[in-house]
Protein backbone atom coordinates (compact mmCIF):
# COMPACT_ATOMS: atom_id res chain seq x y z
CA UNK A 1 31.49 -85.61 14.86
CA UNK A 2 32.96 -89.21 14.81
CA UNK A 3 36.13 -88.04 13.18
CA UNK A 4 36.92 -85.36 16.30
CA UNK A 5 36.12 -87.86 18.50
CA UNK A 6 38.43 -90.89 16.81
CA UNK A 7 41.35 -88.06 16.55
CA UNK A 8 40.88 -86.27 19.91
CA UNK A 9 39.18 -88.47 22.58
CA UNK A 10 42.57 -89.34 23.88
CA UNK A 11 43.34 -85.61 24.51
CA UNK A 12 40.39 -85.24 26.45
CA UNK A 13 40.56 -87.69 28.61
CA UNK A 14 44.29 -86.99 29.34
CA UNK A 15 43.05 -83.41 30.61
CA UNK A 16 39.05 -84.20 31.80
CA UNK A 17 38.82 -87.91 32.46
CA UNK A 18 38.51 -87.05 36.40
CA UNK A 19 35.14 -85.40 36.12
CA UNK A 20 33.34 -87.39 32.42
CA UNK A 21 30.23 -89.39 33.69
CA UNK A 22 29.80 -92.68 32.77
CA UNK A 23 27.33 -91.56 30.15
CA UNK A 24 29.66 -89.09 29.00
CA UNK A 25 32.19 -92.07 28.03
CA UNK A 26 29.45 -94.28 26.76
CA UNK A 27 28.01 -91.23 24.42
CA UNK A 28 32.08 -91.31 22.95
CA UNK A 29 32.22 -94.39 22.68
CA UNK A 30 28.89 -94.47 20.53
CA UNK A 31 29.70 -91.55 18.77
CA UNK A 32 33.12 -92.96 17.81
CA UNK A 33 32.11 -96.12 16.54
CA UNK A 34 28.64 -95.14 14.89
CA UNK A 35 28.15 -97.17 11.54
CA UNK A 36 31.60 -99.09 11.60
CA UNK A 37 32.74 -102.46 11.67
CA UNK A 38 33.00 -102.26 15.44
CA UNK A 39 29.56 -102.68 16.07
CA UNK A 40 28.48 -105.02 13.14
CA UNK A 41 26.67 -104.91 10.48
CA UNK A 42 24.92 -106.73 7.39
CA UNK A 43 25.55 -107.15 3.44
CA UNK A 44 22.96 -106.66 1.41
CA UNK A 45 22.90 -108.19 -2.79
CA UNK A 46 20.73 -106.96 -5.40
CA UNK A 47 18.64 -109.66 -6.45
CA UNK A 48 18.45 -108.99 -10.12
CA UNK A 49 21.95 -107.89 -10.59
CA UNK A 50 24.05 -109.44 -8.07
CA UNK A 51 25.97 -105.53 -6.98
CA UNK A 52 26.14 -106.11 -3.31
CA UNK A 53 26.75 -103.60 -0.41
CA UNK A 54 27.56 -103.20 3.29
CA UNK A 55 25.96 -101.58 6.15
CA UNK A 56 27.20 -101.25 9.36
CA UNK A 57 24.97 -100.58 12.44
CA UNK A 58 23.75 -97.55 14.48
CA UNK A 59 24.85 -97.23 17.97
CA UNK A 60 21.35 -95.59 18.76
CA UNK A 61 22.84 -93.16 21.45
CA UNK A 62 19.84 -89.97 21.47
CA UNK A 63 23.53 -87.58 21.60
CA UNK A 64 24.59 -88.97 18.08
CA UNK A 65 24.57 -86.76 15.11
CA UNK A 66 23.53 -89.93 13.25
CA UNK A 67 20.93 -91.38 15.01
CA UNK A 68 18.32 -89.47 15.01
CA UNK A 69 16.23 -89.48 11.91
CA UNK A 70 14.87 -92.82 11.79
CA UNK A 71 13.62 -92.20 15.58
CA UNK A 72 12.27 -88.64 14.70
CA UNK A 73 10.17 -90.47 12.06
CA UNK A 74 8.73 -93.04 14.07
CA UNK A 75 8.17 -89.95 16.71
CA UNK A 76 6.36 -88.00 14.55
CA UNK A 77 3.77 -90.84 12.71
CA UNK A 78 2.79 -91.19 16.40
CA UNK A 79 2.13 -87.32 17.03
CA UNK A 80 0.53 -87.22 13.88
CA UNK A 81 -2.67 -88.48 14.60
CA UNK A 82 -2.84 -86.27 18.12
CA UNK A 83 -2.85 -82.91 16.37
CA UNK A 84 -5.64 -80.84 16.26
CA UNK A 85 -7.43 -78.17 14.35
CA UNK A 86 -6.55 -75.40 15.77
CA UNK A 87 -3.75 -73.01 16.15
CA UNK A 88 -0.43 -73.74 18.06
CA UNK A 89 1.83 -71.66 19.78
CA UNK A 90 5.43 -72.03 20.69
CA UNK A 91 6.18 -70.83 24.26
CA UNK A 92 9.85 -71.59 25.55
CA UNK A 93 11.06 -71.33 29.38
CA UNK A 94 14.54 -70.54 29.59
CA UNK A 95 16.41 -70.60 32.82
CA UNK A 96 19.03 -67.72 33.73
CA UNK A 97 22.84 -68.42 33.60
CA UNK A 98 23.14 -68.09 37.68
CA UNK A 99 20.36 -71.20 38.04
CA UNK A 100 21.24 -72.76 35.16
CA UNK A 101 24.57 -73.75 35.89
CA UNK A 102 23.47 -76.00 38.89
CA UNK A 103 22.67 -78.58 36.22
CA UNK A 104 26.51 -78.99 35.67
CA UNK A 105 26.10 -81.33 38.68
CA UNK A 106 22.26 -82.06 39.40
CA UNK A 107 21.25 -82.77 36.27
CA UNK A 108 18.34 -85.09 37.34
CA UNK A 109 16.97 -82.07 40.16
CA UNK A 110 17.38 -79.19 37.99
CA UNK A 111 15.73 -80.56 34.84
CA UNK A 112 13.27 -82.36 36.66
CA UNK A 113 11.88 -79.46 38.35
CA UNK A 114 12.02 -77.24 35.14
CA UNK A 115 9.87 -79.29 33.35
CA UNK A 116 7.35 -79.44 36.72
CA UNK A 117 7.30 -75.90 37.20
CA UNK A 118 6.95 -74.58 33.72
CA UNK A 119 4.19 -77.49 33.17
CA UNK A 120 2.88 -76.06 36.72
CA UNK A 121 3.03 -72.30 35.35
CA UNK A 122 0.97 -72.92 31.85
CA UNK A 123 -1.77 -75.34 33.62
CA UNK A 124 -2.37 -73.26 36.16
CA UNK A 125 -2.51 -69.78 34.32
CA UNK A 126 -4.59 -71.56 31.95
CA UNK A 127 -7.19 -72.73 34.08
CA UNK A 128 -7.50 -68.99 35.62
CA UNK A 129 -11.02 -68.36 35.37
CA UNK A 130 -10.02 -64.24 34.93
CA UNK A 131 -7.83 -65.75 31.78
CA UNK A 132 -8.98 -68.66 29.67
CA UNK A 133 -10.46 -71.01 32.07
CA UNK A 134 -9.96 -74.22 30.18
CA UNK A 135 -7.73 -77.50 31.17
CA UNK A 136 -4.97 -76.96 28.19
CA UNK A 137 -2.45 -79.69 26.97
CA UNK A 138 1.04 -79.17 25.51
CA UNK A 139 4.41 -80.83 24.46
CA UNK A 140 7.95 -79.62 25.69
CA UNK A 141 11.52 -80.44 24.53
CA UNK A 142 14.08 -80.15 26.72
CA UNK A 143 16.84 -78.20 24.72
CA UNK A 144 20.21 -77.70 27.04
CA UNK A 145 22.61 -75.71 24.73
CA UNK A 146 22.86 -72.33 22.86
CA UNK A 147 24.74 -71.99 19.64
CA UNK A 148 27.71 -72.11 20.83
CA UNK A 149 27.56 -74.66 22.63
CA UNK A 150 27.40 -73.38 26.04
CA UNK A 151 25.01 -74.52 28.87
CA UNK A 152 21.89 -73.04 28.29
CA UNK A 153 19.13 -74.97 29.64
CA UNK A 154 15.32 -73.73 27.96
CA UNK A 155 12.23 -76.09 27.17
CA UNK A 156 10.50 -75.66 23.93
CA UNK A 157 6.87 -75.65 24.31
CA UNK A 158 4.03 -76.54 21.76
CA UNK A 159 0.77 -75.78 22.81
CA UNK A 160 -2.70 -75.91 21.12
CA UNK A 161 -4.39 -72.55 20.85
CA UNK A 162 -7.18 -73.23 23.48
CA UNK A 163 -8.54 -75.73 25.80
CA UNK A 164 -11.59 -78.13 27.40
CA UNK A 165 -13.83 -75.97 29.70
CA UNK A 166 -13.32 -76.98 33.75
CA UNK A 167 -17.01 -78.59 33.42
CA UNK A 168 -15.96 -80.49 30.28
CA UNK A 169 -18.84 -79.31 28.55
CA UNK A 170 -17.24 -76.84 25.56
CA UNK A 171 -14.04 -76.20 23.73
CA UNK A 172 -12.40 -72.71 24.63
CA UNK A 173 -10.53 -70.84 22.23
CA UNK A 174 -8.25 -68.18 21.75
CA UNK A 175 -7.56 -65.65 19.07
CA UNK A 176 -5.25 -66.89 16.45
CA UNK A 177 -3.32 -63.53 16.60
CA UNK A 178 -1.90 -63.76 20.10
CA UNK A 179 -1.30 -65.89 22.83
CA UNK A 180 -4.01 -66.77 25.42
CA UNK A 181 -1.85 -66.33 28.53
CA UNK A 182 0.15 -62.80 29.48
CA UNK A 183 3.95 -63.70 29.04
CA UNK A 184 4.99 -61.06 32.11
CA UNK A 185 2.44 -63.06 34.27
CA UNK A 186 3.80 -66.77 32.97
CA UNK A 187 7.54 -65.34 33.66
CA UNK A 188 6.88 -63.94 37.29
CA UNK A 189 4.79 -67.30 37.82
CA UNK A 190 7.35 -69.42 36.34
CA UNK A 191 10.54 -67.86 38.14
CA UNK A 192 8.79 -67.77 41.86
CA UNK A 193 7.63 -71.77 41.19
CA UNK A 194 11.03 -72.68 40.52
CA UNK A 195 13.09 -71.04 42.98
CA UNK A 196 10.45 -72.65 45.67
CA UNK A 197 11.02 -75.97 44.39
CA UNK A 198 14.70 -75.01 44.34
CA UNK A 199 14.94 -73.98 47.66
CA UNK A 200 12.91 -77.59 48.95
CA UNK A 201 15.33 -79.57 47.18
CA UNK A 202 18.37 -77.92 48.39
CA UNK A 203 16.71 -78.52 52.16
CA UNK A 204 16.16 -81.74 51.41
CA UNK A 205 19.57 -82.47 51.07
CA UNK A 206 18.93 -83.57 46.80
CA UNK A 207 21.86 -80.77 45.76
CA UNK A 208 25.24 -81.42 45.49
CA UNK A 209 28.02 -78.80 44.75
CA UNK A 210 31.46 -79.69 43.99
CA UNK A 211 34.58 -77.38 42.69
CA UNK A 212 33.92 -74.10 41.64
CA UNK A 213 29.96 -74.46 42.97
CA UNK A 214 31.11 -75.58 46.52
CA UNK A 215 30.70 -73.00 48.49
CA UNK A 216 26.77 -72.80 47.30
CA UNK A 217 26.79 -75.59 49.45
CA UNK A 218 26.34 -73.26 52.66
CA UNK A 219 22.90 -72.09 52.86
CA UNK A 220 23.85 -68.60 53.29
CA UNK A 221 25.31 -68.57 50.27
CA UNK A 222 22.48 -70.56 47.92
CA UNK A 223 19.99 -68.17 49.38
CA UNK A 224 21.97 -65.24 47.82
CA UNK A 225 22.05 -67.18 44.81
CA UNK A 226 18.06 -67.43 45.00
CA UNK A 227 17.91 -63.85 45.94
CA UNK A 228 19.74 -62.62 42.94
CA UNK A 229 17.72 -64.86 40.96
CA UNK A 230 14.57 -63.51 42.29
CA UNK A 231 15.51 -60.06 41.60
CA UNK A 232 15.86 -60.67 37.97
CA UNK A 233 13.13 -61.10 34.97
CA UNK A 234 13.36 -64.71 34.13
CA UNK A 235 12.69 -65.24 29.94
CA UNK A 236 9.56 -66.66 29.06
CA UNK A 237 9.68 -66.02 25.16
CA UNK A 238 6.00 -66.45 22.73
CA UNK A 239 6.62 -66.79 19.24
CA UNK A 240 4.14 -66.31 16.54
CA UNK A 241 1.87 -68.95 16.72
CA UNK A 242 2.23 -71.79 13.71
CA UNK A 243 -1.00 -71.44 12.35
CA UNK A 244 -2.05 -74.90 12.06
CA UNK A 245 -1.15 -78.62 12.12
CA UNK A 246 0.70 -78.79 8.90
CA UNK A 247 3.08 -76.23 10.55
CA UNK A 248 3.15 -78.11 13.80
CA UNK A 249 4.62 -81.03 12.48
CA UNK A 250 7.59 -79.24 10.44
CA UNK A 251 8.45 -77.70 13.41
CA UNK A 252 8.35 -80.84 15.71
CA UNK A 253 10.64 -82.49 13.16
CA UNK A 254 13.43 -79.79 13.61
CA UNK A 255 13.33 -79.52 17.36
CA UNK A 256 12.66 -82.73 19.17
CA UNK A 257 15.33 -85.17 18.42
CA UNK A 258 17.56 -82.52 17.70
CA UNK A 259 21.33 -83.02 19.65
CA UNK A 260 23.80 -80.57 20.43
CA UNK A 261 25.49 -79.36 17.04
CA UNK A 262 24.47 -81.67 13.74
CA UNK A 263 27.43 -82.59 11.40
CA UNK A 264 26.15 -80.11 8.80
CA UNK A 265 27.44 -76.98 10.97
CA UNK A 266 30.81 -78.44 11.40
CA UNK A 267 33.01 -77.11 8.94
CA UNK A 268 36.82 -78.05 9.52
CA UNK A 269 39.08 -80.24 11.90
CA UNK A 270 42.41 -78.79 11.23
CA UNK A 271 45.43 -78.57 13.33
CA UNK A 272 43.61 -79.46 16.38
CA UNK A 273 41.37 -76.95 16.54
CA UNK A 274 37.23 -77.45 15.40
CA UNK A 275 35.29 -75.15 13.22
CA UNK A 276 31.56 -74.79 13.01
CA UNK A 277 28.56 -72.61 12.30
CA UNK A 278 27.02 -70.75 14.45
CA UNK A 279 24.01 -68.18 14.98
CA UNK A 280 24.79 -64.93 16.77
CA UNK A 281 21.35 -63.95 18.42
CA UNK A 282 22.88 -60.94 19.80
CA UNK A 283 23.39 -59.54 16.40
CA UNK A 284 20.23 -60.05 14.38
CA UNK A 285 20.73 -64.14 14.00
CA UNK A 286 23.87 -63.66 11.74
CA UNK A 287 25.53 -67.00 10.98
CA UNK A 288 28.97 -66.55 12.03
CA UNK A 289 32.11 -69.17 12.60
CA UNK A 290 33.21 -70.32 15.80
CA UNK A 291 37.03 -72.05 16.17
CA UNK A 292 37.37 -73.83 19.27
CA UNK A 293 40.36 -75.92 20.49
CA UNK A 294 39.27 -79.88 19.89
CA UNK A 295 39.44 -81.09 23.34
CA UNK A 296 37.60 -77.74 24.38
CA UNK A 297 34.64 -78.61 21.66
CA UNK A 298 34.37 -82.25 22.76
CA UNK A 299 34.19 -80.56 26.37
CA UNK A 300 31.26 -78.46 25.63
CA UNK A 301 29.58 -81.07 23.72
CA UNK A 302 29.57 -83.57 26.45
CA UNK A 303 27.87 -80.51 28.49
CA UNK A 304 24.79 -82.05 27.10
CA UNK A 305 24.70 -85.56 27.54
CA UNK A 306 22.16 -86.24 29.70
CA UNK A 307 21.55 -89.10 32.56
CA UNK A 308 20.35 -92.33 31.58
CA UNK A 309 16.56 -92.34 31.93
CA UNK A 310 15.98 -89.17 31.88
CA UNK A 311 13.01 -88.06 29.19
CA UNK A 312 13.75 -85.40 27.03
CA UNK A 313 10.18 -85.48 25.37
CA UNK A 314 7.20 -84.71 27.89
CA UNK A 315 3.14 -84.13 27.41
CA UNK A 316 1.15 -82.55 29.76
CA UNK A 317 -2.62 -82.02 30.46
CA UNK A 318 -5.02 -83.31 28.06
CA UNK A 319 -2.14 -84.79 26.16
CA UNK A 320 -0.31 -86.92 29.04
CA UNK A 321 -0.11 -90.09 28.68
CA UNK A 322 -2.43 -91.38 31.31
CA UNK A 323 -5.93 -89.64 29.95
CA UNK A 324 -4.34 -89.01 26.17
CA UNK A 325 -6.85 -90.83 24.37
CA UNK A 326 -9.81 -90.06 25.93
CA UNK A 327 -9.47 -86.63 26.35
CA UNK A 328 -8.47 -86.18 22.73
CA UNK A 329 -11.68 -87.43 21.85
CA UNK A 330 -13.40 -85.55 24.05
CA UNK A 331 -11.64 -82.42 22.14
CA UNK A 332 -12.27 -83.06 18.69
CA UNK A 333 -16.12 -83.99 19.57
CA UNK A 334 -16.01 -80.40 21.16
CA UNK A 335 -14.33 -78.96 18.50
CA UNK A 336 -16.95 -80.69 16.17
CA UNK A 337 -14.26 -82.69 14.20
CA UNK A 338 -14.68 -86.38 13.62
CA UNK A 339 -11.24 -86.79 12.53
CA UNK A 340 -8.23 -84.68 12.79
CA UNK A 341 -7.41 -82.47 10.26
CA UNK A 342 -4.81 -84.18 7.22
CA UNK A 343 -0.93 -83.08 8.08
CA UNK A 344 1.99 -83.36 5.79
CA UNK A 345 3.96 -86.39 6.19
CA UNK A 346 6.90 -86.41 8.54
CA UNK A 347 10.28 -85.24 6.64
CA UNK A 348 11.97 -88.47 6.87
CA UNK A 349 9.75 -92.10 6.49
CA UNK A 350 10.49 -95.57 7.45
CA UNK A 351 10.69 -97.40 4.39
CA UNK A 352 8.67 -100.85 4.51
CA UNK A 353 9.95 -102.42 1.51
CA UNK A 354 13.52 -103.66 0.77
CA UNK A 355 15.77 -100.39 -0.53
CA UNK A 356 16.37 -100.49 -4.48
CA UNK A 357 19.82 -101.31 -5.80
CA UNK A 358 21.68 -98.40 -6.44
CA UNK A 359 23.32 -99.89 -9.12
CA UNK A 360 20.59 -101.35 -11.54
CA UNK A 361 17.79 -99.19 -10.08
CA UNK A 362 15.57 -102.34 -10.94
CA UNK A 363 16.21 -104.74 -8.25
CA UNK A 364 15.90 -105.19 -4.14
CA UNK A 365 18.55 -105.51 -2.03
CA UNK A 366 18.13 -108.24 0.35
CA UNK A 367 20.22 -109.29 3.48
CA UNK A 368 22.55 -111.96 2.68
CA UNK A 369 24.86 -112.32 5.52
CA UNK A 370 25.65 -110.79 9.19
CA UNK A 371 28.51 -108.98 10.11
CA UNK A 372 29.85 -109.54 14.06
CA UNK A 373 30.99 -106.54 15.98
CA UNK A 374 34.55 -106.39 15.70
CA UNK A 375 36.33 -106.40 19.21
CA UNK A 376 36.18 -103.00 20.60
CA UNK A 377 39.13 -100.66 21.57
CA UNK A 378 37.27 -98.77 24.51
CA UNK A 379 37.96 -95.50 25.67
CA UNK A 380 40.67 -95.36 28.41
CA UNK A 381 39.23 -94.52 31.86
CA UNK A 382 41.88 -94.89 34.23
């Protein structure tokens, strides 16, 4: 990815400079300079054979394909202690394309509504005495991309199979073989709740429309869009249950800190074109090769750079930060378990000891010198 940015960022700026946000420009700079002399680094030397290695600093940008492993390992270690000995379900809330495109110019507003209404749908439906009649908790992860890098906003929710009874006296579980809430009801309530919140945001002047979306600034046109969206089915997909905490951690390792495209999917950069692998879900998830003009590839990638401060991993219900510890203790007491079930360790761990020397395989590498960052040739913003 860094090679593509270094080679074609000027072509991208010449075509799209006027519409790139500050966050998108920063993501380009960070990905370009990640683990290079531009960000500085350190020299490490083996305490046994004297072998030296130079390690350059990471950019730590959450959109950089190189920088997610350590962040993912730390986050997973924290989540490990929160898992319960129950089955877990995977629920996906997806925005229809005509609504999802509003996030191009209103990412904070649209994604905030998506989180809020999906959470409201799950929590209120689960609390219905005619269904589960319990207070549930879950984790939600925002993904904004499809396999072809087009905008495709959706939430992946990891939901424990059950919840605390409304009077707090017992744990109400569900059957392990099926999800405990009707999917069609979830879809209907999600659509209704989202469109109500979207209309409210429009009335309050919280949405902006430019370029191709400018006609939507007219109330009649915006209402027509909402009416059209209200007439179609919104996708709420429930995948088969994970089975238990061990499999949940493996899922979280794949999904929580994913970026729009990882380096292992990139196949070539030749003659101004980028080729990458993608799964065509319309044809039985067949893996295909897509080739795009490099500037178009970068443009699609930048669609998924989130505004600064927008949290893309959130927890709700009894997993919400405000009362998570107390609620989890109650869950375990009600489940008659004193401690959470043991879980597989995260796929990537942060080593506590100095790394082993790659030359002699006996000594340890220790830092002997810090390297300052080289002067940065920032992307042209004119």
